[in-house]
Amino acid sequence: MLPESKLFFKRLGARLRQIRKEHGWTVDDMQVRGVTSKHWQQMETGRSINVKTLLRACQALGVSAAFLVGDLDAGIYKELPLPLPRKKPKTRRKRRPESAEPETHA
């Protein structure tokens, strides 16, 4: 896993915990909402999850995916060097076909 994604999932876990606590729910309450308490604890501690699990967490909290993950990736991407410009391939000039008869000048 990339270090950047670890930070993303740590932030996601913190947001999951924050929203759960705003509702006044315990980790055990999340089981009634469709996610086992063990799995919820793992998510809150920053364990990586797939999209299906993310959507299940959204449903359990009653929020959209955009709301849940919005801005969690801010500032975590390393700046990558820009690719070098590609050189255009040289185009060959078409040769004029040589005529079978030599030109005569009169």
PDB file of N, CA and C in Angstrom:
ATOM      1  N   MET A   1       0.850  -1.176   0.000  1.00  0.00           N
ATOM      2  CA  MET A   1       0.000   0.000   0.000  1.00  0.00           C
ATOM      3  C   MET A   1       0.896   1.240   0.000  1.00  0.00           C
ATOM      4  N   LEU A   2       0.547   2.208  -0.790  1.00  0.00           N
ATOM      5  CA  LEU A   2       1.305   3.451  -0.861  1.00  0.00           C
ATOM      6  C   LEU A   2       1.136   4.252   0.423  1.00  0.00           C
ATOM      7  N   PRO A   3       2.181   4.963   0.847  1.00  0.00           N
ATOM      8  CA  PRO A   3       2.056   5.786   2.070  1.00  0.00           C
ATOM      9  C   PRO A   3       0.909   6.782   1.982  1.00  0.00           C
ATOM     10  N   GLU A   4       0.663   7.304   0.770  1.00  0.00           N
ATOM     11  CA  GLU A   4      -0.416   8.263   0.589  1.00  0.00           C
ATOM     12  C   GLU A   4      -1.775   7.634   0.896  1.00  0.00           C
ATOM     13  N   SER A   5      -1.949   6.374   0.492  1.00  0.00           N
ATOM     14  CA  SER A   5      -3.235   5.724   0.744  1.00  0.00           C
ATOM     15  C   SER A   5      -3.400   5.404   2.231  1.00  0.00           C
ATOM     16  N   LYS A   6      -2.317   5.142   2.929  1.00  0.00           N
ATOM     17  CA  LYS A   6      -2.412   4.913   4.379  1.00  0.00           C
ATOM     18  C   LYS A   6      -2.959   6.152   5.069  1.00  0.00           C
ATOM     19  N   LEU A   7      -2.466   7.304   4.655  1.00  0.00           N
ATOM     20  CA  LEU A   7      -2.945   8.548   5.241  1.00  0.00           C
ATOM     21  C   LEU A   7      -4.423   8.761   4.916  1.00  0.00           C
ATOM     22  N   PHE A   8      -4.812   8.442   3.692  1.00  0.00           N
ATOM     23  CA  PHE A   8      -6.209   8.577   3.296  1.00  0.00           C
ATOM     24  C   PHE A   8      -7.105   7.727   4.201  1.00  0.00           C
ATOM     25  N   PHE A   9      -6.729   6.460   4.424  1.00  0.00           N
ATOM     26  CA  PHE A   9      -7.575   5.581   5.236  1.00  0.00           C
ATOM     27  C   PHE A   9      -7.553   5.966   6.710  1.00  0.00           C
ATOM     28  N   LYS A  10      -6.459   6.539   7.190  1.00  0.00           N
ATOM     29  CA  LYS A  10      -6.442   7.063   8.574  1.00  0.00           C
ATOM     30  C   LYS A  10      -7.451   8.209   8.701  1.00  0.00           C
ATOM     31  N   ARG A  11      -7.445   9.087   7.706  1.00  0.00           N
ATOM     32  CA  ARG A  11      -8.391  10.201   7.723  1.00  0.00           C
ATOM     33  C   ARG A  11      -9.829   9.706   7.604  1.00  0.00           C
ATOM     34  N   LEU A  12     -10.042   8.702   6.762  1.00  0.00           N
ATOM     35  CA  LEU A  12     -11.377   8.126   6.606  1.00  0.00           C
ATOM     36  C   LEU A  12     -11.849   7.544   7.930  1.00  0.00           C
ATOM     37  N   GLY A  13     -10.980   6.814   8.617  1.00  0.00           N
ATOM     38  CA  GLY A  13     -11.341   6.244   9.910  1.00  0.00           C
ATOM     39  C   GLY A  13     -11.731   7.307  10.920  1.00  0.00           C
ATOM     40  N   ALA A  14     -10.986   8.405  10.929  1.00  0.00           N
ATOM     41  CA  ALA A  14     -11.305   9.505  11.852  1.00  0.00           C
ATOM     42  C   ALA A  14     -12.664  10.113  11.512  1.00  0.00           C
ATOM     43  N   ARG A  15     -12.949  10.240  10.208  1.00  0.00           N
ATOM     44  CA  ARG A  15     -14.243  10.806   9.813  1.00  0.00           C
ATOM     45  C   ARG A  15     -15.379   9.844  10.173  1.00  0.00           C
ATOM     46  N   LEU A  16     -15.183   8.554   9.981  1.00  0.00           N
ATOM     47  CA  LEU A  16     -16.203   7.570  10.367  1.00  0.00           C
ATOM     48  C   LEU A  16     -16.511   7.683  11.853  1.00  0.00           C
ATOM     49  N   ARG A  17     -15.455   7.769  12.671  1.00  0.00           N
ATOM     50  CA  ARG A  17     -15.623   7.886  14.128  1.00  0.00           C
ATOM     51  C   ARG A  17     -16.363   9.176  14.488  1.00  0.00           C
ATOM     52  N   GLN A  18     -15.970  10.276  13.849  1.00  0.00           N
ATOM     53  CA  GLN A  18     -16.597  11.569  14.127  1.00  0.00           C
ATOM     54  C   GLN A  18     -18.097  11.534  13.825  1.00  0.00           C
ATOM     55  N   ILE A  19     -18.461  11.019  12.666  1.00  0.00           N
ATOM     56  CA  ILE A  19     -19.877  10.993  12.280  1.00  0.00           C
ATOM     57  C   ILE A  19     -20.656  10.053  13.196  1.00  0.00           C
ATOM     58  N   ARG A  20     -20.079   8.897  13.500  1.00  0.00           N
ATOM     59  CA  ARG A  20     -20.745   7.945  14.399  1.00  0.00           C
ATOM     60  C   ARG A  20     -21.014   8.600  15.746  1.00  0.00           C
ATOM     61  N   LYS A  21     -20.012   9.282  16.287  1.00  0.00           N
ATOM     62  CA  LYS A  21     -20.169   9.920  17.598  1.00  0.00           C
ATOM     63  C   LYS A  21     -21.149  11.084  17.555  1.00  0.00           C
ATOM     64  N   GLU A  22     -21.191  11.808  16.424  1.00  0.00           N
ATOM     65  CA  GLU A  22     -22.173  12.895  16.284  1.00  0.00           C
ATOM     66  C   GLU A  22     -23.601  12.370  16.385  1.00  0.00           C
ATOM     67  N   HIS A  23     -23.802  11.134  15.917  1.00  0.00           N
ATOM     68  CA  HIS A  23     -25.121  10.507  16.013  1.00  0.00           C
ATOM     69  C   HIS A  23     -25.366   9.898  17.391  1.00  0.00           C
ATOM     70  N   GLY A  24     -24.321   9.842  18.212  1.00  0.00           N
ATOM     71  CA  GLY A  24     -24.455   9.257  19.545  1.00  0.00           C
ATOM     72  C   GLY A  24     -24.447   7.737  19.527  1.00  0.00           C
ATOM     73  N   TRP A  25     -23.906   7.142  18.479  1.00  0.00           N
ATOM     74  CA  TRP A  25     -23.877   5.689  18.350  1.00  0.00           C
ATOM     75  C   TRP A  25     -22.557   5.133  18.858  1.00  0.00           C
ATOM     76  N   THR A  26     -22.635   3.941  19.432  1.00  0.00           N
ATOM     77  CA  THR A  26     -21.435   3.212  19.827  1.00  0.00           C
ATOM     78  C   THR A  26     -21.019   2.320  18.668  1.00  0.00           C
ATOM     79  N   VAL A  27     -19.835   1.746  18.800  1.00  0.00           N
ATOM     80  CA  VAL A  27     -19.373   0.801  17.780  1.00  0.00           C
ATOM     81  C   VAL A  27     -20.329  -0.382  17.715  1.00  0.00           C
ATOM     82  N   ASP A  28     -20.837  -0.809  18.850  1.00  0.00           N
ATOM     83  CA  ASP A  28     -21.787  -1.923  18.873  1.00  0.00           C
ATOM     84  C   ASP A  28     -23.095  -1.567  18.162  1.00  0.00           C
ATOM     85  N   ASP A  29     -23.492  -0.295  18.212  1.00  0.00           N
ATOM     86  CA  ASP A  29     -24.705   0.134  17.513  1.00  0.00           C
ATOM     87  C   ASP A  29     -24.571  -0.037  15.997  1.00  0.00           C
ATOM     88  N   MET A  30     -23.369  -0.023  15.492  1.00  0.00           N
ATOM     89  CA  MET A  30     -23.158  -0.116  14.052  1.00  0.00           C
ATOM     90  C   MET A  30     -23.525  -1.498  13.523  1.00  0.00           C
ATOM     91  N   GLN A  31     -23.483  -2.503  14.383  1.00  0.00           N
ATOM     92  CA  GLN A  31     -23.864  -3.856  13.959  1.00  0.00           C
ATOM     93  C   GLN A  31     -25.332  -3.882  13.557  1.00  0.00           C
ATOM     94  N   VAL A  32     -26.173  -3.191  14.301  1.00  0.00           N
ATOM     95  CA  VAL A  32     -27.593  -3.108  13.971  1.00  0.00           C
ATOM     96  C   VAL A  32     -27.772  -2.390  12.630  1.00  0.00           C
ATOM     97  N   ARG A  33     -26.824  -1.520  12.299  1.00  0.00           N
ATOM     98  CA  ARG A  33     -26.901  -0.736  11.073  1.00  0.00           C
ATOM     99  C   ARG A  33     -26.240  -1.444   9.890  1.00  0.00           C
ATOM    100  N   GLY A  34     -25.768  -2.692  10.093  1.00  0.00           N
ATOM    101  CA  GLY A  34     -25.281  -3.499   8.976  1.00  0.00           C
ATOM    102  C   GLY A  34     -23.790  -3.751   8.892  1.00  0.00           C
ATOM    103  N   VAL A  35     -23.020  -3.269   9.870  1.00  0.00           N
ATOM    104  CA  VAL A  35     -21.570  -3.488   9.859  1.00  0.00           C
ATOM    105  C   VAL A  35     -21.176  -4.042  11.222  1.00  0.00           C
ATOM    106  N   THR A  36     -20.440  -5.149  11.239  1.00  0.00           N
ATOM    107  CA  THR A  36     -20.062  -5.731  12.528  1.00  0.00           C
ATOM    108  C   THR A  36     -19.176  -4.755  13.300  1.00  0.00           C
ATOM    109  N   SER A  37     -19.240  -4.858  14.622  1.00  0.00           N
ATOM    110  CA  SER A  37     -18.468  -3.932  15.448  1.00  0.00           C
ATOM    111  C   SER A  37     -16.964  -4.115  15.209  1.00  0.00           C
ATOM    112  N   LYS A  38     -16.535  -5.350  15.004  1.00  0.00           N
ATOM    113  CA  LYS A  38     -15.117  -5.610  14.744  1.00  0.00           C
ATOM    114  C   LYS A  38     -14.680  -4.920  13.453  1.00  0.00           C
ATOM    115  N   HIS A  39     -15.482  -5.089  12.409  1.00  0.00           N
ATOM    116  CA  HIS A  39     -15.149  -4.468  11.130  1.00  0.00           C
ATOM    117  C   HIS A  39     -15.177  -2.948  11.251  1.00  0.00           C
ATOM    118  N   TRP A  40     -16.138  -2.411  11.983  1.00  0.00           N
ATOM    119  CA  TRP A  40     -16.225  -0.962  12.161  1.00  0.00           C
ATOM    120  C   TRP A  40     -14.990  -0.439  12.890  1.00  0.00           C
ATOM    121  N   GLN A  41     -14.566  -1.155  13.922  1.00  0.00           N
ATOM    122  CA  GLN A  41     -13.364  -0.751  14.654  1.00  0.00           C
ATOM    123  C   GLN A  41     -12.151  -0.738  13.733  1.00  0.00           C
ATOM    124  N   GLN A  42     -12.043  -1.740  12.875  1.00  0.00           N
ATOM    125  CA  GLN A  42     -10.924  -1.801  11.943  1.00  0.00           C
ATOM    126  C   GLN A  42     -10.948  -0.609  10.974  1.00  0.00           C
ATOM    127  N   MET A  43     -12.140  -0.256  10.514  1.00  0.00           N
ATOM    128  CA  MET A  43     -12.247   0.893   9.610  1.00  0.00           C
ATOM    129  C   MET A  43     -11.856   2.180  10.329  1.00  0.00           C
ATOM    130  N   GLU A  44     -12.300   2.324  11.571  1.00  0.00           N
ATOM    131  CA  GLU A  44     -11.992   3.539  12.322  1.00  0.00           C
ATOM    132  C   GLU A  44     -10.510   3.668  12.650  1.00  0.00           C
ATOM    133  N   THR A  45      -9.798   2.568  12.678  1.00  0.00           N
ATOM    134  CA  THR A  45      -8.357   2.634  12.952  1.00  0.00           C
ATOM    135  C   THR A  45      -7.546   2.816  11.671  1.00  0.00           C
ATOM    136  N   GLY A  46      -8.211   2.902  10.516  1.00  0.00           N
ATOM    137  CA  GLY A  46      -7.503   3.204   9.278  1.00  0.00           C
ATOM    138  C   GLY A  46      -7.225   2.032   8.369  1.00  0.00           C
ATOM    139  N   ARG A  47      -7.873   0.916   8.626  1.00  0.00           N
ATOM    140  CA  ARG A  47      -7.683  -0.234   7.737  1.00  0.00           C
ATOM    141  C   ARG A  47      -8.262   0.102   6.356  1.00  0.00           C
ATOM    142  N   SER A  48      -7.573  -0.328   5.310  1.00  0.00           N
ATOM    143  CA  SER A  48      -8.068  -0.044   3.963  1.00  0.00           C
ATOM    144  C   SER A  48      -9.336  -0.847   3.704  1.00  0.00           C
ATOM    145  N   ILE A  49     -10.226  -0.250   2.933  1.00  0.00           N
ATOM    146  CA  ILE A  49     -11.494  -0.898   2.608  1.00  0.00           C
ATOM    147  C   ILE A  49     -11.739  -0.782   1.113  1.00  0.00           C
ATOM    148  N   ASN A  50     -12.612  -1.643   0.613  1.00  0.00           N
ATOM    149  CA  ASN A  50     -12.966  -1.563  -0.799  1.00  0.00           C
ATOM    150  C   ASN A  50     -14.220  -0.695  -0.966  1.00  0.00           C
ATOM    151  N   VAL A  51     -14.604  -0.482  -2.200  1.00  0.00           N
ATOM    152  CA  VAL A  51     -15.740   0.407  -2.485  1.00  0.00           C
ATOM    153  C   VAL A  51     -17.041  -0.148  -1.910  1.00  0.00           C
ATOM    154  N   LYS A  52     -17.217  -1.451  -1.972  1.00  0.00           N
ATOM    155  CA  LYS A  52     -18.440  -2.065  -1.438  1.00  0.00           C
ATOM    156  C   LYS A  52     -18.572  -1.770   0.059  1.00  0.00           C
ATOM    157  N   THR A  53     -17.480  -1.895   0.781  1.00  0.00           N
ATOM    158  CA  THR A  53     -17.493  -1.615   2.216  1.00  0.00           C
ATOM    159  C   THR A  53     -17.702  -0.130   2.477  1.00  0.00           C
ATOM    160  N   LEU A  54     -17.104   0.703   1.651  1.00  0.00           N
ATOM    161  CA  LEU A  54     -17.302   2.148   1.773  1.00  0.00           C
ATOM    162  C   LEU A  54     -18.781   2.494   1.621  1.00  0.00           C
ATOM    163  N   LEU A  55     -19.433   1.903   0.634  1.00  0.00           N
ATOM    164  CA  LEU A  55     -20.854   2.172   0.417  1.00  0.00           C
ATOM    165  C   LEU A  55     -21.701   1.648   1.567  1.00  0.00           C
ATOM    166  N   ARG A  56     -21.296   0.529   2.144  1.00  0.00           N
ATOM    167  CA  ARG A  56     -22.023  -0.007   3.299  1.00  0.00           C
ATOM    168  C   ARG A  56     -21.879   0.939   4.495  1.00  0.00           C
ATOM    169  N   ALA A  57     -20.687   1.499   4.669  1.00  0.00           N
ATOM    170  CA  ALA A  57     -20.473   2.456   5.757  1.00  0.00           C
ATOM    171  C   ALA A  57     -21.317   3.713   5.535  1.00  0.00           C
ATOM    172  N   CYS A  58     -21.393   4.158   4.286  1.00  0.00           N
ATOM    173  CA  CYS A  58     -22.222   5.329   3.960  1.00  0.00           C
ATOM    174  C   CYS A  58     -23.677   5.070   4.303  1.00  0.00           C
ATOM    175  N   GLN A  59     -24.152   3.891   3.945  1.00  0.00           N
ATOM    176  CA  GLN A  59     -25.543   3.528   4.235  1.00  0.00           C
ATOM    177  C   GLN A  59     -25.779   3.479   5.747  1.00  0.00           C
ATOM    178  N   ALA A  60     -24.826   2.903   6.468  1.00  0.00           N
ATOM    179  CA  ALA A  60     -24.971   2.798   7.925  1.00  0.00           C
ATOM    180  C   ALA A  60     -25.018   4.174   8.593  1.00  0.00           C
ATOM    181  N   LEU A  61     -24.273   5.118   8.049  1.00  0.00           N
ATOM    182  CA  LEU A  61     -24.238   6.464   8.627  1.00  0.00           C
ATOM    183  C   LEU A  61     -25.287   7.400   8.042  1.00  0.00           C
ATOM    184  N   GLY A  62     -25.863   6.991   6.914  1.00  0.00           N
ATOM    185  CA  GLY A  62     -26.862   7.838   6.266  1.00  0.00           C
ATOM    186  C   GLY A  62     -26.254   9.042   5.563  1.00  0.00           C
ATOM    187  N   VAL A  63     -25.058   8.858   4.989  1.00  0.00           N
ATOM    188  CA  VAL A  63     -24.380   9.938   4.276  1.00  0.00           C
ATOM    189  C   VAL A  63     -23.978   9.465   2.889  1.00  0.00           C
ATOM    190  N   SER A  64     -23.682  10.410   2.016  1.00  0.00           N
ATOM    191  CA  SER A  64     -23.222  10.051   0.677  1.00  0.00           C
ATOM    192  C   SER A  64     -21.728   9.741   0.698  1.00  0.00           C
ATOM    193  N   ALA A  65     -21.279   9.026  -0.320  1.00  0.00           N
ATOM    194  CA  ALA A  65     -19.852   8.730  -0.444  1.00  0.00           C
ATOM    195  C   ALA A  65     -19.055  10.024  -0.624  1.00  0.00           C
ATOM    196  N   ALA A  66     -19.623  10.955  -1.388  1.00  0.00           N
ATOM    197  CA  ALA A  66     -18.942  12.234  -1.605  1.00  0.00           C
ATOM    198  C   ALA A  66     -18.742  12.971  -0.286  1.00  0.00           C
ATOM    199  N   PHE A  67     -19.749  12.946   0.564  1.00  0.00           N
ATOM    200  CA  PHE A  67     -19.632  13.597   1.869  1.00  0.00           C
ATOM    201  C   PHE A  67     -18.584  12.896   2.728  1.00  0.00           C
ATOM    202  N   LEU A  68     -18.593  11.580   2.693  1.00  0.00           N
ATOM    203  CA  LEU A  68     -17.700  10.816   3.555  1.00  0.00           C
ATOM    204  C   LEU A  68     -16.240  10.969   3.155  1.00  0.00           C
ATOM    205  N   VAL A  69     -15.927  10.920   1.877  1.00  0.00           N
ATOM    206  CA  VAL A  69     -14.524  10.954   1.455  1.00  0.00           C
ATOM    207  C   VAL A  69     -14.062  12.314   0.951  1.00  0.00           C
ATOM    208  N   GLY A  70     -14.985  13.282   0.860  1.00  0.00           N
ATOM    209  CA  GLY A  70     -14.621  14.596   0.337  1.00  0.00           C
ATOM    210  C   GLY A  70     -13.430  15.206   1.056  1.00  0.00           C
ATOM    211  N   ASP A  71     -12.442  15.623   0.302  1.00  0.00           N
ATOM    212  CA  ASP A  71     -11.233  16.299   0.785  1.00  0.00           C
ATOM    213  C   ASP A  71     -10.298  15.430   1.630  1.00  0.00           C
ATOM    214  N   LEU A  72     -10.566  14.149   1.769  1.00  0.00           N
ATOM    215  CA  LEU A  72      -9.659  13.312   2.555  1.00  0.00           C
ATOM    216  C   LEU A  72      -8.314  13.126   1.866  1.00  0.00           C
ATOM    217  N   ASP A  73      -8.287  13.321   0.565  1.00  0.00           N
ATOM    218  CA  ASP A  73      -7.040  13.136  -0.172  1.00  0.00           C
ATOM    219  C   ASP A  73      -6.252  14.437  -0.343  1.00  0.00           C
ATOM    220  N   ALA A  74      -6.719  15.513   0.251  1.00  0.00           N
ATOM    221  CA  ALA A  74      -6.055  16.812   0.091  1.00  0.00           C
ATOM    222  C   ALA A  74      -4.614  16.751   0.582  1.00  0.00           C
ATOM    223  N   GLY A  75      -3.705  17.109  -0.308  1.00  0.00           N
ATOM    224  CA  GLY A  75      -2.297  17.211   0.048  1.00  0.00           C
ATOM    225  C   GLY A  75      -1.549  15.913   0.234  1.00  0.00           C
ATOM    226  N   ILE A  76      -2.124  14.782  -0.144  1.00  0.00           N
ATOM    227  CA  ILE A  76      -1.418  13.521   0.085  1.00  0.00           C
ATOM    228  C   ILE A  76      -0.664  13.007  -1.134  1.00  0.00           C
ATOM    229  N   TYR A  77      -0.891  13.613  -2.279  1.00  0.00           N
ATOM    230  CA  TYR A  77      -0.220  13.134  -3.482  1.00  0.00           C
ATOM    231  C   TYR A  77       1.157  13.763  -3.603  1.00  0.00           C
ATOM    232  N   LYS A  78       2.132  12.927  -3.911  1.00  0.00           N
ATOM    233  CA  LYS A  78       3.469  13.440  -4.144  1.00  0.00           C
ATOM    234  C   LYS A  78       3.480  14.134  -5.492  1.00  0.00           C
ATOM    235  N   GLU A  79       4.267  15.169  -5.552  1.00  0.00           N
ATOM    236  CA  GLU A  79       4.368  15.863  -6.824  1.00  0.00           C
ATOM    237  C   GLU A  79       5.232  15.020  -7.749  1.00  0.00           C
ATOM    238  N   LEU A  80       4.675  14.677  -8.861  1.00  0.00           N
ATOM    239  CA  LEU A  80       5.393  13.852  -9.825  1.00  0.00           C
ATOM    240  C   LEU A  80       6.020  14.746 -10.883  1.00  0.00           C
ATOM    241  N   PRO A  81       7.196  14.359 -11.368  1.00  0.00           N
ATOM    242  CA  PRO A  81       7.808  15.165 -12.422  1.00  0.00           C
ATOM    243  C   PRO A  81       6.958  15.091 -13.684  1.00  0.00           C
ATOM    244  N   LEU A  82       6.946  16.193 -14.392  1.00  0.00           N
ATOM    245  CA  LEU A  82       6.189  16.217 -15.634  1.00  0.00           C
ATOM    246  C   LEU A  82       6.907  15.353 -16.664  1.00  0.00           C
ATOM    247  N   PRO A  83       6.152  14.675 -17.495  1.00  0.00           N
ATOM    248  CA  PRO A  83       6.807  13.871 -18.522  1.00  0.00           C
ATOM    249  C   PRO A  83       7.517  14.772 -19.519  1.00  0.00           C
ATOM    250  N   LEU A  84       8.626  14.278 -20.025  1.00  0.00           N
ATOM    251  CA  LEU A  84       9.355  15.036 -21.032  1.00  0.00           C
ATOM    252  C   LEU A  84       8.532  15.096 -22.304  1.00  0.00           C
ATOM    253  N   PRO A  85       8.603  16.225 -23.006  1.00  0.00           N
ATOM    254  CA  PRO A  85       7.837  16.296 -24.259  1.00  0.00           C
ATOM    255  C   PRO A  85       8.387  15.282 -25.252  1.00  0.00           C
ATOM    256  N   ARG A  86       7.493  14.668 -25.940  1.00  0.00           N
ATOM    257  CA  ARG A  86       7.894  13.674 -26.923  1.00  0.00           C
ATOM    258  C   ARG A  86       8.336  14.379 -28.193  1.00  0.00           C
ATOM    259  N   LYS A  87       9.403  13.864 -28.760  1.00  0.00           N
ATOM    260  CA  LYS A  87       9.867  14.416 -30.015  1.00  0.00           C
ATOM    261  C   LYS A  87       8.954  13.926 -31.118  1.00  0.00           C
ATOM    262  N   LYS A  88       8.653  14.827 -32.015  1.00  0.00           N
ATOM    263  CA  LYS A  88       7.830  14.437 -33.148  1.00  0.00           C
ATOM    264  C   LYS A  88       8.684  13.602 -34.089  1.00  0.00           C
ATOM    265  N   PRO A  89       8.145  12.506 -34.559  1.00  0.00           N
ATOM    266  CA  PRO A  89       8.930  11.709 -35.502  1.00  0.00           C
ATOM    267  C   PRO A  89       9.115  12.484 -36.800  1.00  0.00           C
ATOM    268  N   LYS A  90      10.305  12.347 -37.361  1.00  0.00           N
ATOM    269  CA  LYS A  90      10.568  13.033 -38.628  1.00  0.00           C
ATOM    270  C   LYS A  90       9.718  12.388 -39.707  1.00  0.00           C
ATOM    271  N   THR A  91       9.128  13.244 -40.485  1.00  0.00           N
ATOM    272  CA  THR A  91       8.326  12.709 -41.589  1.00  0.00           C
ATOM    273  C   THR A  91       9.211  12.633 -42.821  1.00  0.00           C
ATOM    274  N   ARG A  92       9.096  11.554 -43.487  1.00  0.00           N
ATOM    275  CA  ARG A  92       9.861  11.368 -44.712  1.00  0.00           C
ATOM    276  C   ARG A  92       9.153  12.063 -45.853  1.00  0.00           C
ATOM    277  N   ARG A  93       9.950  12.705 -46.656  1.00  0.00           N
ATOM    278  CA  ARG A  93       9.371  13.304 -47.848  1.00  0.00           C
ATOM    279  C   ARG A  93       9.219  12.222 -48.890  1.00  0.00           C
ATOM    280  N   LYS A  94       8.126  12.283 -49.531  1.00  0.00           N
ATOM    281  CA  LYS A  94       7.909  11.306 -50.589  1.00  0.00           C
ATOM    282  C   LYS A  94       8.770  11.668 -51.781  1.00  0.00           C
ATOM    283  N   ARG A  95       9.452  10.676 -52.272  1.00  0.00           N
ATOM    284  CA  ARG A  95      10.251  10.887 -53.471  1.00  0.00           C
ATOM    285  C   ARG A  95       9.345  10.860 -54.687  1.00  0.00           C
ATOM    286  N   ARG A  96       9.681  11.724 -55.606  1.00  0.00           N
ATOM    287  CA  ARG A  96       8.933  11.700 -56.854  1.00  0.00           C
ATOM    288  C   ARG A  96       9.369  10.477 -57.630  1.00  0.00           C
ATOM    289  N   PRO A  97       8.422   9.806 -58.171  1.00  0.00           N
ATOM    290  CA  PRO A  97       8.818   8.622 -58.949  1.00  0.00           C
ATOM    291  C   PRO A  97       9.627   9.047 -60.163  1.00  0.00           C
ATOM    292  N   GLU A  98      10.664   8.302 -60.374  1.00  0.00           N
ATOM    293  CA  GLU A  98      11.488   8.607 -61.540  1.00  0.00           C
ATOM    294  C   GLU A  98      10.748   8.146 -62.778  1.00  0.00           C
ATOM    295  N   SER A  99      10.742   9.011 -63.778  1.00  0.00           N
ATOM    296  CA  SER A  99      10.037   8.633 -64.995  1.00  0.00           C
ATOM    297  C   SER A  99      10.878   7.642 -65.780  1.00  0.00           C
ATOM    298  N   ALA A 100      10.210   6.812 -66.517  1.00  0.00           N
ATOM    299  CA  ALA A 100      10.899   5.778 -67.288  1.00  0.00           C
ATOM    300  C   ALA A 100      11.661   6.391 -68.460  1.00  0.00           C
ATOM    301  N   GLU A 101      11.157   7.495 -68.982  1.00  0.00           N
ATOM    302  CA  GLU A 101      11.818   8.127 -70.113  1.00  0.00           C
ATOM    303  C   GLU A 101      12.557   9.362 -69.628  1.00  0.00           C
ATOM    304  N   PRO A 102      13.778   9.503 -70.048  1.00  0.00           N
ATOM    305  CA  PRO A 102      14.513  10.699 -69.658  1.00  0.00           C
ATOM    306  C   PRO A 102      13.927  11.923 -70.311  1.00  0.00           C
ATOM    307  N   GLU A 103      13.973  13.023 -69.588  1.00  0.00           N
ATOM    308  CA  GLU A 103      13.440  14.271 -70.135  1.00  0.00           C
ATOM    309  C   GLU A 103      14.409  14.802 -71.194  1.00  0.00           C
ATOM    310  N   THR A 104      13.814  15.333 -72.234  1.00  0.00           N
ATOM    311  CA  THR A 104      14.635  15.949 -73.272  1.00  0.00           C
ATOM    312  C   THR A 104      14.305  17.410 -73.353  1.00  0.00           C
ATOM    313  N   HIS A 105      15.318  18.169 -73.520  1.00  0.00           N
ATOM    314  CA  HIS A 105      15.098  19.610 -73.656  1.00  0.00           C
ATOM    315  C   HIS A 105      15.346  19.990 -75.092  1.00  0.00           C
ATOM    316  N   ALA A 106      14.487  20.633 -75.663  1.00  0.00           N
ATOM    317  CA  ALA A 106      14.673  21.012 -77.059  1.00  0.00           C
ATOM    318  C   ALA A 106      14.960  22.448 -77.213  1.00  0.00           C
TER     319      ALA A 106
END
